[in-house]
Amino acid sequence: MDALSEVLAAGQVGRPVAARTIGRAPWGLRQRVPGAALFHVIMRGTAWLTVDGGAPLRLDPGDVVLLPHGTSHALGDDPATPPVELGSLAERHQPGEAFAVVEFGGEGAQTNMLCGAYLLTRAAPQHPMLSALPTVLHLPASRGVDTQLRALVDLLATEVERPGPGSATIATSLVDALFAYLLRTWCAAHPDACPPWLSALADPVLGRALVAVHAEPAAPWSVGQLASVAGLSRAAFSRRFTAQVGLPPLTYLTQWRMVRAQQLLRSGTAPLEAVARDIGYESAFAFSKAFKRHTGVSPARYREAVR
């Protein structure tokens, strides 16, 4: 698994949820899900997105928008249409359905959308790639969306509008993949605004060190060892890493270990001693002390809370 996939997998809590959303003018919805990345795909018709305190943004067929921090926002046929709360998408799912179906509004022009959420862990620390993302990532179809993302959106639209055998499994996998495609495509179109971590991952020198840390988080890495992997002197590596990633090398290592620890605690029942070894701590006591310092809760309390 590559480093970007690892970060997304470690940050997500369970599978994404999504709904086929049909609005007929006049229509408006409001959504806010703290601890989630929200997305909207406009399949037919048009919509206006308004983030609290921001100017309305027109969305046309084929446009994709991601709100990585779950920011409160309204979506409607017109910025002036009063929105209603969308509520929980998960509660609208029926067993075996590829998507929940949400219909609302009046009797006017129709807009078909796919609206969904990637549930993310809210415990600190958050990976620097996710925390550095802007409030809204807009990928308009009119500006030549990446062909792979375009193909993925078209596949999703087909599964949404014409579900068949296996659609529930296919659609869930496509929605899961959409997150990575959105980030990759948006960063390719906005290199200056892309999170520094992704730029560092693409750097032929720093990328080697990041891949090594992600591949072996339990290794007793030192700045000198990471510099050797990158092919730089210790001082040059430390300066370059801190400037690009936004964190000193060993601070990043600790933060990644804590993100991985959260994933292990959520997804399994391994004893704390095993989790500690997997991320590079010699004892459960040392791991627990570090985990509480970074997240504010003990590993045992965290595991209980997420369950």
C-alpha atoms as a PDB file:
ATOM      1  CA  MET A   1       0.000   0.000   0.000  1.00  0.00           C
ATOM      2  CA  ASP A   2       1.386   3.437  -0.926  1.00  0.00           C
ATOM      3  CA  ALA A   3       1.749   6.218   1.655  1.00  0.00           C
ATOM      4  CA  LEU A   4      -1.315   8.200   0.527  1.00  0.00           C
ATOM      5  CA  SER A   5      -3.498   5.089   0.715  1.00  0.00           C
ATOM      6  CA  GLU A   6      -2.122   4.337   4.175  1.00  0.00           C
ATOM      7  CA  VAL A   7      -2.962   7.819   5.445  1.00  0.00           C
ATOM      8  CA  LEU A   8      -6.521   7.638   4.097  1.00  0.00           C
ATOM      9  CA  ALA A   9      -7.047   4.123   5.447  1.00  0.00           C
ATOM     10  CA  ALA A  10      -5.656   5.052   8.872  1.00  0.00           C
ATOM     11  CA  GLY A  11      -7.825   8.165   9.110  1.00  0.00           C
ATOM     12  CA  GLN A  12     -11.155   6.611   8.104  1.00  0.00           C
ATOM     13  CA  VAL A  13     -13.591   5.070  10.569  1.00  0.00           C
ATOM     14  CA  GLY A  14     -15.558   2.362   8.804  1.00  0.00           C
ATOM     15  CA  ARG A  15     -16.940   2.474   5.286  1.00  0.00           C
ATOM     16  CA  PRO A  16     -18.154   5.661   3.583  1.00  0.00           C
ATOM     17  CA  VAL A  17     -21.871   6.415   3.475  1.00  0.00           C
ATOM     18  CA  ALA A  18     -23.649   7.940   0.512  1.00  0.00           C
ATOM     19  CA  ALA A  19     -27.106   8.762  -0.796  1.00  0.00           C
ATOM     20  CA  ARG A  20     -28.656   9.345  -4.182  1.00  0.00           C
ATOM     21  CA  THR A  21     -30.130  12.792  -3.615  1.00  0.00           C
ATOM     22  CA  ILE A  22     -32.850  14.250  -5.827  1.00  0.00           C
ATOM     23  CA  GLY A  23     -33.900  17.864  -5.392  1.00  0.00           C
ATOM     24  CA  ARG A  24     -36.756  19.509  -7.249  1.00  0.00           C
ATOM     25  CA  ALA A  25     -36.888  23.294  -7.274  1.00  0.00           C
ATOM     26  CA  PRO A  26     -37.264  24.986  -4.974  1.00  0.00           C
ATOM     27  CA  TRP A  27     -34.951  22.814  -2.865  1.00  0.00           C
ATOM     28  CA  GLY A  28     -32.191  23.332  -0.344  1.00  0.00           C
ATOM     29  CA  LEU A  29     -30.331  21.184   2.158  1.00  0.00           C
ATOM     30  CA  ARG A  30     -27.848  21.894   4.926  1.00  0.00           C
ATOM     31  CA  GLN A  31     -25.206  19.457   6.045  1.00  0.00           C
ATOM     32  CA  ARG A  32     -22.548  19.464   8.737  1.00  0.00           C
ATOM     33  CA  VAL A  33     -20.764  16.354   9.953  1.00  0.00           C
ATOM     34  CA  PRO A  34     -17.843  17.099  12.299  1.00  0.00           C
ATOM     35  CA  GLY A  35     -15.185  14.433  11.982  1.00  0.00           C
ATOM     36  CA  ALA A  36     -16.094  13.637   8.371  1.00  0.00           C
ATOM     37  CA  ALA A  37     -15.055  14.590   4.861  1.00  0.00           C
ATOM     38  CA  LEU A  38     -18.175  15.374   2.818  1.00  0.00           C
ATOM     39  CA  PHE A  39     -18.568  15.150  -0.943  1.00  0.00           C
ATOM     40  CA  HIS A  40     -21.154  15.970  -3.601  1.00  0.00           C
ATOM     41  CA  VAL A  41     -21.211  14.792  -7.220  1.00  0.00           C
ATOM     42  CA  ILE A  42     -23.618  16.627  -9.544  1.00  0.00           C
ATOM     43  CA  MET A  43     -24.975  14.069 -12.015  1.00  0.00           C
ATOM     44  CA  ARG A  44     -27.818  16.059 -13.593  1.00  0.00           C
ATOM     45  CA  GLY A  45     -28.999  19.637 -13.264  1.00  0.00           C
ATOM     46  CA  THR A  46     -27.245  22.402 -11.339  1.00  0.00           C
ATOM     47  CA  ALA A  47     -26.806  23.425  -7.717  1.00  0.00           C
ATOM     48  CA  TRP A  48     -25.367  26.228  -5.596  1.00  0.00           C
ATOM     49  CA  LEU A  49     -22.993  25.469  -2.731  1.00  0.00           C
ATOM     50  CA  THR A  50     -22.694  28.037   0.063  1.00  0.00           C
ATOM     51  CA  VAL A  51     -20.212  27.509   2.876  1.00  0.00           C
ATOM     52  CA  ASP A  52     -21.109  29.522   5.978  1.00  0.00           C
ATOM     53  CA  GLY A  53     -19.637  32.979   5.550  1.00  0.00           C
ATOM     54  CA  GLY A  54     -18.591  32.388   1.930  1.00  0.00           C
ATOM     55  CA  ALA A  55     -19.818  33.349  -1.522  1.00  0.00           C
ATOM     56  CA  PRO A  56     -22.154  30.917  -3.378  1.00  0.00           C
ATOM     57  CA  LEU A  57     -20.434  28.514  -5.782  1.00  0.00           C
ATOM     58  CA  ARG A  58     -22.297  27.222  -8.845  1.00  0.00           C
ATOM     59  CA  LEU A  59     -22.028  23.493  -9.496  1.00  0.00           C
ATOM     60  CA  ASP A  60     -22.778  22.080 -12.951  1.00  0.00           C
ATOM     61  CA  PRO A  61     -23.260  18.520 -14.248  1.00  0.00           C
ATOM     62  CA  GLY A  62     -20.108  16.493 -13.709  1.00  0.00           C
ATOM     63  CA  ASP A  63     -18.728  18.793 -11.012  1.00  0.00           C
ATOM     64  CA  VAL A  64     -17.327  17.201  -7.879  1.00  0.00           C
ATOM     65  CA  VAL A  65     -16.814  18.995  -4.574  1.00  0.00           C
ATOM     66  CA  LEU A  66     -15.135  17.761  -1.390  1.00  0.00           C
ATOM     67  CA  LEU A  67     -15.375  19.426   2.036  1.00  0.00           C
ATOM     68  CA  PRO A  68     -12.575  17.605   3.895  1.00  0.00           C
ATOM     69  CA  HIS A  69     -13.344  19.066   7.337  1.00  0.00           C
ATOM     70  CA  GLY A  70     -17.106  18.506   7.370  1.00  0.00           C
ATOM     71  CA  THR A  71     -17.710  22.267   7.238  1.00  0.00           C
ATOM     72  CA  SER A  72     -21.309  23.414   7.603  1.00  0.00           C
ATOM     73  CA  HIS A  73     -22.723  24.298   4.188  1.00  0.00           C
ATOM     74  CA  ALA A  74     -25.925  24.661   2.203  1.00  0.00           C
ATOM     75  CA  LEU A  75     -26.701  23.190  -1.198  1.00  0.00           C
ATOM     76  CA  GLY A  76     -29.728  24.234  -3.230  1.00  0.00           C
ATOM     77  CA  ASP A  77     -31.286  25.262  -6.514  1.00  0.00           C
ATOM     78  CA  ASP A  78     -30.721  28.899  -5.556  1.00  0.00           C
ATOM     79  CA  PRO A  79     -28.612  30.502  -2.805  1.00  0.00           C
ATOM     80  CA  ALA A  80     -31.762  32.207  -1.534  1.00  0.00           C
ATOM     81  CA  THR A  81     -33.743  28.971  -1.032  1.00  0.00           C
ATOM     82  CA  PRO A  82     -34.016  28.152   2.708  1.00  0.00           C
ATOM     83  CA  PRO A  83     -32.249  24.825   3.368  1.00  0.00           C
ATOM     84  CA  VAL A  84     -33.477  21.885   5.432  1.00  0.00           C
ATOM     85  CA  GLU A  85     -31.173  19.644   7.481  1.00  0.00           C
ATOM     86  CA  LEU A  86     -30.152  16.546   5.526  1.00  0.00           C
ATOM     87  CA  GLY A  87     -29.618  14.450   8.669  1.00  0.00           C
ATOM     88  CA  SER A  88     -27.825  11.121   8.875  1.00  0.00           C
ATOM     89  CA  LEU A  89     -27.261   9.296   5.605  1.00  0.00           C
ATOM     90  CA  ALA A  90     -26.493   6.044   7.413  1.00  0.00           C
ATOM     91  CA  GLU A  91     -30.020   5.953   8.893  1.00  0.00           C
ATOM     92  CA  ARG A  92     -31.547   6.127   5.418  1.00  0.00           C
ATOM     93  CA  HIS A  93     -29.835   2.985   4.099  1.00  0.00           C
ATOM     94  CA  GLN A  94     -31.891  -0.160   3.552  1.00  0.00           C
ATOM     95  CA  PRO A  95     -30.141  -3.569   3.692  1.00  0.00           C
ATOM     96  CA  GLY A  96     -28.744  -4.543   0.300  1.00  0.00           C
ATOM     97  CA  GLU A  97     -29.175  -1.076  -1.219  1.00  0.00           C
ATOM     98  CA  ALA A  98     -26.218   0.450  -3.042  1.00  0.00           C
ATOM     99  CA  PHE A  99     -27.312   3.885  -1.834  1.00  0.00           C
ATOM    100  CA  ALA A 100     -29.932   5.464   0.323  1.00  0.00           C
ATOM    101  CA  VAL A 101     -32.354   7.628  -1.658  1.00  0.00           C
ATOM    102  CA  VAL A 102     -33.269  11.141  -0.534  1.00  0.00           C
ATOM    103  CA  GLU A 103     -35.927  13.149  -2.408  1.00  0.00           C
ATOM    104  CA  PHE A 104     -37.212  16.565  -1.427  1.00  0.00           C
ATOM    105  CA  GLY A 105     -38.212  20.018  -2.692  1.00  0.00           C
ATOM    106  CA  GLY A 106     -41.033  21.234  -4.890  1.00  0.00           C
ATOM    107  CA  GLU A 107     -42.159  20.366  -8.410  1.00  0.00           C
ATOM    108  CA  GLY A 108     -39.682  22.357 -10.494  1.00  0.00           C
ATOM    109  CA  ALA A 109     -36.427  21.566 -12.291  1.00  0.00           C
ATOM    110  CA  GLN A 110     -34.691  18.431 -11.006  1.00  0.00           C
ATOM    111  CA  THR A 111     -31.099  18.036  -9.826  1.00  0.00           C
ATOM    112  CA  ASN A 112     -29.627  14.551  -9.291  1.00  0.00           C
ATOM    113  CA  MET A 113     -26.631  14.222  -6.976  1.00  0.00           C
ATOM    114  CA  LEU A 114     -24.569  11.731  -5.066  1.00  0.00           C
ATOM    115  CA  CYS A 115     -23.962  13.087  -1.553  1.00  0.00           C
ATOM    116  CA  GLY A 116     -21.789  11.260   0.937  1.00  0.00           C
ATOM    117  CA  ALA A 117     -19.388  11.278   3.842  1.00  0.00           C
ATOM    118  CA  TYR A 118     -16.082   9.657   4.709  1.00  0.00           C
ATOM    119  CA  LEU A 119     -16.104   9.272   8.490  1.00  0.00           C
ATOM    120  CA  LEU A 120     -12.733  10.258   9.957  1.00  0.00           C
ATOM    121  CA  THR A 121     -11.255   9.811  13.395  1.00  0.00           C
ATOM    122  CA  ARG A 122     -11.646  12.985  15.462  1.00  0.00           C
ATOM    123  CA  ALA A 123      -8.993  12.165  18.059  1.00  0.00           C
ATOM    124  CA  ALA A 124      -5.746  14.116  17.798  1.00  0.00           C
ATOM    125  CA  PRO A 125      -3.353  14.024  16.125  1.00  0.00           C
ATOM    126  CA  GLN A 126      -4.685  14.421  12.604  1.00  0.00           C
ATOM    127  CA  HIS A 127      -2.298  13.641   9.797  1.00  0.00           C
ATOM    128  CA  PRO A 128      -0.760  16.854   8.372  1.00  0.00           C
ATOM    129  CA  MET A 129      -2.036  16.024   4.886  1.00  0.00           C
ATOM    130  CA  LEU A 130      -5.667  16.114   6.042  1.00  0.00           C
ATOM    131  CA  SER A 131      -5.314  19.097   8.374  1.00  0.00           C
ATOM    132  CA  ALA A 132      -3.673  21.187   5.623  1.00  0.00           C
ATOM    133  CA  LEU A 133      -6.482  20.747   3.090  1.00  0.00           C
ATOM    134  CA  PRO A 134      -8.624  23.834   2.320  1.00  0.00           C
ATOM    135  CA  THR A 135     -12.276  24.098   3.305  1.00  0.00           C
ATOM    136  CA  VAL A 136     -13.611  23.292  -0.174  1.00  0.00           C
ATOM    137  CA  LEU A 137     -12.032  21.332  -3.032  1.00  0.00           C
ATOM    138  CA  HIS A 138     -13.964  22.026  -6.234  1.00  0.00           C
ATOM    139  CA  LEU A 139     -13.269  20.056  -9.407  1.00  0.00           C
ATOM    140  CA  PRO A 140     -15.424  21.527 -12.201  1.00  0.00           C
ATOM    141  CA  ALA A 141     -16.105  19.270 -15.188  1.00  0.00           C
ATOM    142  CA  SER A 142     -15.799  22.289 -17.501  1.00  0.00           C
ATOM    143  CA  ARG A 143     -12.076  22.633 -16.761  1.00  0.00           C
ATOM    144  CA  GLY A 144     -11.090  19.187 -17.899  1.00  0.00           C
ATOM    145  CA  VAL A 145     -11.373  16.898 -14.886  1.00  0.00           C
ATOM    146  CA  ASP A 146      -8.743  14.150 -14.870  1.00  0.00           C
ATOM    147  CA  THR A 147      -9.815  11.333 -17.218  1.00  0.00           C
ATOM    148  CA  GLN A 148      -9.521   8.702 -14.465  1.00  0.00           C
ATOM    149  CA  LEU A 149     -11.672  10.737 -12.082  1.00  0.00           C
ATOM    150  CA  ARG A 150     -14.141  11.386 -14.906  1.00  0.00           C
ATOM    151  CA  ALA A 151     -14.356   7.647 -15.588  1.00  0.00           C
ATOM    152  CA  LEU A 152     -14.898   6.942 -11.884  1.00  0.00           C
ATOM    153  CA  VAL A 153     -17.686   9.526 -11.653  1.00  0.00           C
ATOM    154  CA  ASP A 154     -19.336   8.023 -14.765  1.00  0.00           C
ATOM    155  CA  LEU A 155     -19.176   4.531 -13.229  1.00  0.00           C
ATOM    156  CA  LEU A 156     -20.715   5.862 -10.012  1.00  0.00           C
ATOM    157  CA  ALA A 157     -23.501   7.570 -11.940  1.00  0.00           C
ATOM    158  CA  THR A 158     -24.285   4.310 -13.717  1.00  0.00           C
ATOM    159  CA  GLU A 159     -24.457   2.334 -10.463  1.00  0.00           C
ATOM    160  CA  VAL A 160     -26.595   5.051  -8.848  1.00  0.00           C
ATOM    161  CA  GLU A 161     -29.113   5.419 -11.646  1.00  0.00           C
ATOM    162  CA  ARG A 162     -29.159   1.838 -12.979  1.00  0.00           C
ATOM    163  CA  PRO A 163     -28.233  -0.507 -10.127  1.00  0.00           C
ATOM    164  CA  GLY A 164     -27.792  -4.197 -10.894  1.00  0.00           C
ATOM    165  CA  PRO A 165     -26.526  -7.364  -9.222  1.00  0.00           C
ATOM    166  CA  GLY A 166     -23.578  -6.526  -6.972  1.00  0.00           C
ATOM    167  CA  SER A 167     -24.211  -2.775  -7.053  1.00  0.00           C
ATOM    168  CA  ALA A 168     -23.997  -2.437  -3.261  1.00  0.00           C
ATOM    169  CA  THR A 169     -20.444  -3.807  -3.236  1.00  0.00           C
ATOM    170  CA  ILE A 170     -19.361  -2.052  -6.417  1.00  0.00           C
ATOM    171  CA  ALA A 171     -20.746   1.327  -5.385  1.00  0.00           C
ATOM    172  CA  THR A 172     -19.129   1.196  -1.926  1.00  0.00           C
ATOM    173  CA  SER A 173     -15.737   0.446  -3.468  1.00  0.00           C
ATOM    174  CA  LEU A 174     -16.121   3.257  -5.998  1.00  0.00           C
ATOM    175  CA  VAL A 175     -17.100   5.778  -3.310  1.00  0.00           C
ATOM    176  CA  ASP A 176     -14.098   4.672  -1.242  1.00  0.00           C
ATOM    177  CA  ALA A 177     -11.778   5.190  -4.212  1.00  0.00           C
ATOM    178  CA  LEU A 178     -13.307   8.598  -4.951  1.00  0.00           C
ATOM    179  CA  PHE A 179     -11.562  10.174  -1.933  1.00  0.00           C
ATOM    180  CA  ALA A 180      -8.078   9.311  -3.196  1.00  0.00           C
ATOM    181  CA  TYR A 181      -8.911  10.309  -6.768  1.00  0.00           C
ATOM    182  CA  LEU A 182     -10.305  13.658  -5.608  1.00  0.00           C
ATOM    183  CA  LEU A 183      -7.173  14.495  -3.625  1.00  0.00           C
ATOM    184  CA  ARG A 184      -4.802  13.378  -6.367  1.00  0.00           C
ATOM    185  CA  THR A 185      -6.681  15.211  -9.124  1.00  0.00           C
ATOM    186  CA  TRP A 186      -7.136  18.399  -7.085  1.00  0.00           C
ATOM    187  CA  CYS A 187      -3.451  18.526  -6.154  1.00  0.00           C
ATOM    188  CA  ALA A 188      -2.417  18.019  -9.774  1.00  0.00           C
ATOM    189  CA  ALA A 189      -4.597  21.003 -10.747  1.00  0.00           C
ATOM    190  CA  HIS A 190      -3.546  23.169  -7.758  1.00  0.00           C
ATOM    191  CA  PRO A 191       0.103  22.332  -6.998  1.00  0.00           C
ATOM    192  CA  ASP A 192       0.693  25.607  -5.121  1.00  0.00           C
ATOM    193  CA  ALA A 193      -2.219  24.945  -2.753  1.00  0.00           C
ATOM    194  CA  CYS A 194      -1.606  21.219  -2.351  1.00  0.00           C
ATOM    195  CA  PRO A 195      -0.756  20.104   1.215  1.00  0.00           C
ATOM    196  CA  PRO A 196       3.044  20.165   1.688  1.00  0.00           C
ATOM    197  CA  TRP A 197       3.019  16.507   2.755  1.00  0.00           C
ATOM    198  CA  LEU A 198       1.870  15.374  -0.687  1.00  0.00           C
ATOM    199  CA  SER A 199       4.544  17.520  -2.324  1.00  0.00           C
ATOM    200  CA  ALA A 200       7.116  15.942  -0.035  1.00  0.00           C
ATOM    201  CA  LEU A 201       5.838  12.470  -0.927  1.00  0.00           C
ATOM    202  CA  ALA A 202       6.369  13.283  -4.616  1.00  0.00           C
ATOM    203  CA  ASP A 203       9.859  14.652  -3.902  1.00  0.00           C
ATOM    204  CA  PRO A 204      12.346  12.003  -5.141  1.00  0.00           C
ATOM    205  CA  VAL A 205      14.540  12.597  -2.061  1.00  0.00           C
ATOM    206  CA  LEU A 206      12.092  13.146   0.795  1.00  0.00           C
ATOM    207  CA  GLY A 207       9.663  10.624  -0.663  1.00  0.00           C
ATOM    208  CA  ARG A 208      12.115   7.809   0.066  1.00  0.00           C
ATOM    209  CA  ALA A 209      12.246   8.739   3.756  1.00  0.00           C
ATOM    210  CA  LEU A 210       8.455   9.056   4.035  1.00  0.00           C
ATOM    211  CA  VAL A 211       7.903   5.702   2.356  1.00  0.00           C
ATOM    212  CA  ALA A 212      10.443   4.114   4.730  1.00  0.00           C
ATOM    213  CA  VAL A 213       8.684   5.544   7.800  1.00  0.00           C
ATOM    214  CA  HIS A 214       5.301   4.335   6.573  1.00  0.00           C
ATOM    215  CA  ALA A 215       6.645   0.898   5.664  1.00  0.00           C
ATOM    216  CA  GLU A 216       8.387   0.361   9.014  1.00  0.00           C
ATOM    217  CA  PRO A 217       6.933   2.639  11.700  1.00  0.00           C
ATOM    218  CA  ALA A 218       8.303   0.323  14.416  1.00  0.00           C
ATOM    219  CA  ALA A 219      11.907   0.716  13.277  1.00  0.00           C
ATOM    220  CA  PRO A 220      14.134   2.711  15.683  1.00  0.00           C
ATOM    221  CA  TRP A 221      14.560   5.548  13.211  1.00  0.00           C
ATOM    222  CA  SER A 222      16.959   8.391  13.901  1.00  0.00           C
ATOM    223  CA  VAL A 223      17.329  11.576  11.883  1.00  0.00           C
ATOM    224  CA  GLY A 224      20.677  10.262  10.655  1.00  0.00           C
ATOM    225  CA  GLN A 225      19.172   6.985   9.437  1.00  0.00           C
ATOM    226  CA  LEU A 226      16.351   8.757   7.611  1.00  0.00           C
ATOM    227  CA  ALA A 227      18.850  11.179   6.086  1.00  0.00           C
ATOM    228  CA  SER A 228      20.828   8.189   4.826  1.00  0.00           C
ATOM    229  CA  VAL A 229      17.711   6.722   3.224  1.00  0.00           C
ATOM    230  CA  ALA A 230      17.077  10.071   1.538  1.00  0.00           C
ATOM    231  CA  GLY A 231      20.709  10.431   0.449  1.00  0.00           C
ATOM    232  CA  LEU A 232      21.308  13.728   2.262  1.00  0.00           C
ATOM    233  CA  SER A 233      23.410  14.927   5.157  1.00  0.00           C
ATOM    234  CA  ARG A 234      21.668  14.930   8.527  1.00  0.00           C
ATOM    235  CA  ALA A 235      21.408  18.745   8.670  1.00  0.00           C
ATOM    236  CA  ALA A 236      20.292  19.167   5.052  1.00  0.00           C
ATOM    237  CA  PHE A 237      17.691  16.431   5.414  1.00  0.00           C
ATOM    238  CA  SER A 238      16.296  17.868   8.633  1.00  0.00           C
ATOM    239  CA  ARG A 239      15.949  21.362   7.116  1.00  0.00           C
ATOM    240  CA  ARG A 240      14.386  20.118   3.903  1.00  0.00           C
ATOM    241  CA  PHE A 241      11.991  17.711   5.644  1.00  0.00           C
ATOM    242  CA  THR A 242      10.777  20.318   8.139  1.00  0.00           C
ATOM    243  CA  ALA A 243      10.281  22.919   5.405  1.00  0.00           C
ATOM    244  CA  GLN A 244       8.350  20.558   3.128  1.00  0.00           C
ATOM    245  CA  VAL A 245       6.315  18.489   5.586  1.00  0.00           C
ATOM    246  CA  GLY A 246       5.812  21.167   8.230  1.00  0.00           C
ATOM    247  CA  LEU A 247       7.125  18.961  11.041  1.00  0.00           C
ATOM    248  CA  PRO A 248      10.630  17.848  12.106  1.00  0.00           C
ATOM    249  CA  PRO A 249      11.390  14.250  11.032  1.00  0.00           C
ATOM    250  CA  LEU A 250      11.051  12.602  14.457  1.00  0.00           C
ATOM    251  CA  THR A 251       7.924  14.609  15.295  1.00  0.00           C
ATOM    252  CA  TYR A 252       6.382  13.310  12.082  1.00  0.00           C
ATOM    253  CA  LEU A 253       7.464   9.773  12.983  1.00  0.00           C
ATOM    254  CA  THR A 254       5.763  10.026  16.376  1.00  0.00           C
ATOM    255  CA  GLN A 255       2.626  11.522  14.857  1.00  0.00           C
ATOM    256  CA  TRP A 256       2.398   8.775  12.246  1.00  0.00           C
ATOM    257  CA  ARG A 257       2.861   6.149  14.954  1.00  0.00           C
ATOM    258  CA  MET A 258      -0.047   7.655  16.886  1.00  0.00           C
ATOM    259  CA  VAL A 259      -2.264   7.716  13.791  1.00  0.00           C
ATOM    260  CA  ARG A 260      -1.408   4.056  13.146  1.00  0.00           C
ATOM    261  CA  ALA A 261      -2.043   3.213  16.800  1.00  0.00           C
ATOM    262  CA  GLN A 262      -5.540   4.689  16.554  1.00  0.00           C
ATOM    263  CA  GLN A 263      -6.200   2.530  13.509  1.00  0.00           C
ATOM    264  CA  LEU A 264      -4.982  -0.610  15.280  1.00  0.00           C
ATOM    265  CA  LEU A 265      -7.036   0.156  18.381  1.00  0.00           C
ATOM    266  CA  ARG A 266     -10.184   0.716  16.315  1.00  0.00           C
ATOM    267  CA  SER A 267      -9.847  -2.289  14.059  1.00  0.00           C
ATOM    268  CA  GLY A 268      -8.768  -5.090  16.381  1.00  0.00           C
ATOM    269  CA  THR A 269      -8.557  -6.556  19.841  1.00  0.00           C
ATOM    270  CA  ALA A 270      -4.786  -6.979  20.098  1.00  0.00           C
ATOM    271  CA  PRO A 271      -3.431  -6.321  23.603  1.00  0.00           C
ATOM    272  CA  LEU A 272      -1.664  -3.010  24.195  1.00  0.00           C
ATOM    273  CA  GLU A 273       1.710  -4.757  24.319  1.00  0.00           C
ATOM    274  CA  ALA A 274       1.218  -5.957  20.721  1.00  0.00           C
ATOM    275  CA  VAL A 275       0.048  -2.532  19.515  1.00  0.00           C
ATOM    276  CA  ALA A 276       3.050  -0.945  21.219  1.00  0.00           C
ATOM    277  CA  ARG A 277       5.469  -3.310  19.457  1.00  0.00           C
ATOM    278  CA  ASP A 278       3.794  -2.754  16.088  1.00  0.00           C
ATOM    279  CA  ILE A 279       4.471   0.983  16.204  1.00  0.00           C
ATOM    280  CA  GLY A 280       7.914   0.975  17.813  1.00  0.00           C
ATOM    281  CA  TYR A 281       7.473   1.135  21.590  1.00  0.00           C
ATOM    282  CA  GLU A 282       9.261  -1.282  23.913  1.00  0.00           C
ATOM    283  CA  SER A 283       6.440  -1.506  26.449  1.00  0.00           C
ATOM    284  CA  ALA A 284       2.727  -0.902  26.825  1.00  0.00           C
ATOM    285  CA  PHE A 285       3.518   1.621  29.543  1.00  0.00           C
ATOM    286  CA  ALA A 286       5.738   3.744  27.262  1.00  0.00           C
ATOM    287  CA  PHE A 287       3.177   3.528  24.476  1.00  0.00           C
ATOM    288  CA  SER A 288       0.269   4.466  26.757  1.00  0.00           C
ATOM    289  CA  LYS A 289       2.152   7.462  28.084  1.00  0.00           C
ATOM    290  CA  ALA A 290       2.951   8.719  24.556  1.00  0.00           C
ATOM    291  CA  PHE A 291      -0.570   8.032  23.288  1.00  0.00           C
ATOM    292  CA  LYS A 292      -2.208   9.965  26.116  1.00  0.00           C
ATOM    293  CA  ARG A 293       0.204  12.866  25.648  1.00  0.00           C
ATOM    294  CA  HIS A 294      -0.773  13.158  21.980  1.00  0.00           C
ATOM    295  CA  THR A 295      -4.499  12.367  22.101  1.00  0.00           C
ATOM    296  CA  GLY A 296      -5.517  13.333  25.610  1.00  0.00           C
ATOM    297  CA  VAL A 297      -6.899   9.874  26.439  1.00  0.00           C
ATOM    298  CA  SER A 298      -5.389   6.504  27.288  1.00  0.00           C
ATOM    299  CA  PRO A 299      -5.347   3.747  24.622  1.00  0.00           C
ATOM    300  CA  ALA A 300      -7.875   1.718  26.636  1.00  0.00           C
ATOM    301  CA  ARG A 301     -10.243   4.691  26.938  1.00  0.00           C
ATOM    302  CA  TYR A 302      -9.859   5.454  23.231  1.00  0.00           C
ATOM    303  CA  ARG A 303     -10.674   1.875  22.272  1.00  0.00           C
ATOM    304  CA  GLU A 304     -13.773   1.905  24.474  1.00  0.00           C
ATOM    305  CA  ALA A 305     -14.942   5.242  23.072  1.00  0.00           C
ATOM    306  CA  VAL A 306     -14.707   4.269  19.387  1.00  0.00           C
ATOM    307  CA  ARG A 307     -16.625   1.080  20.047  1.00  0.00           C
END
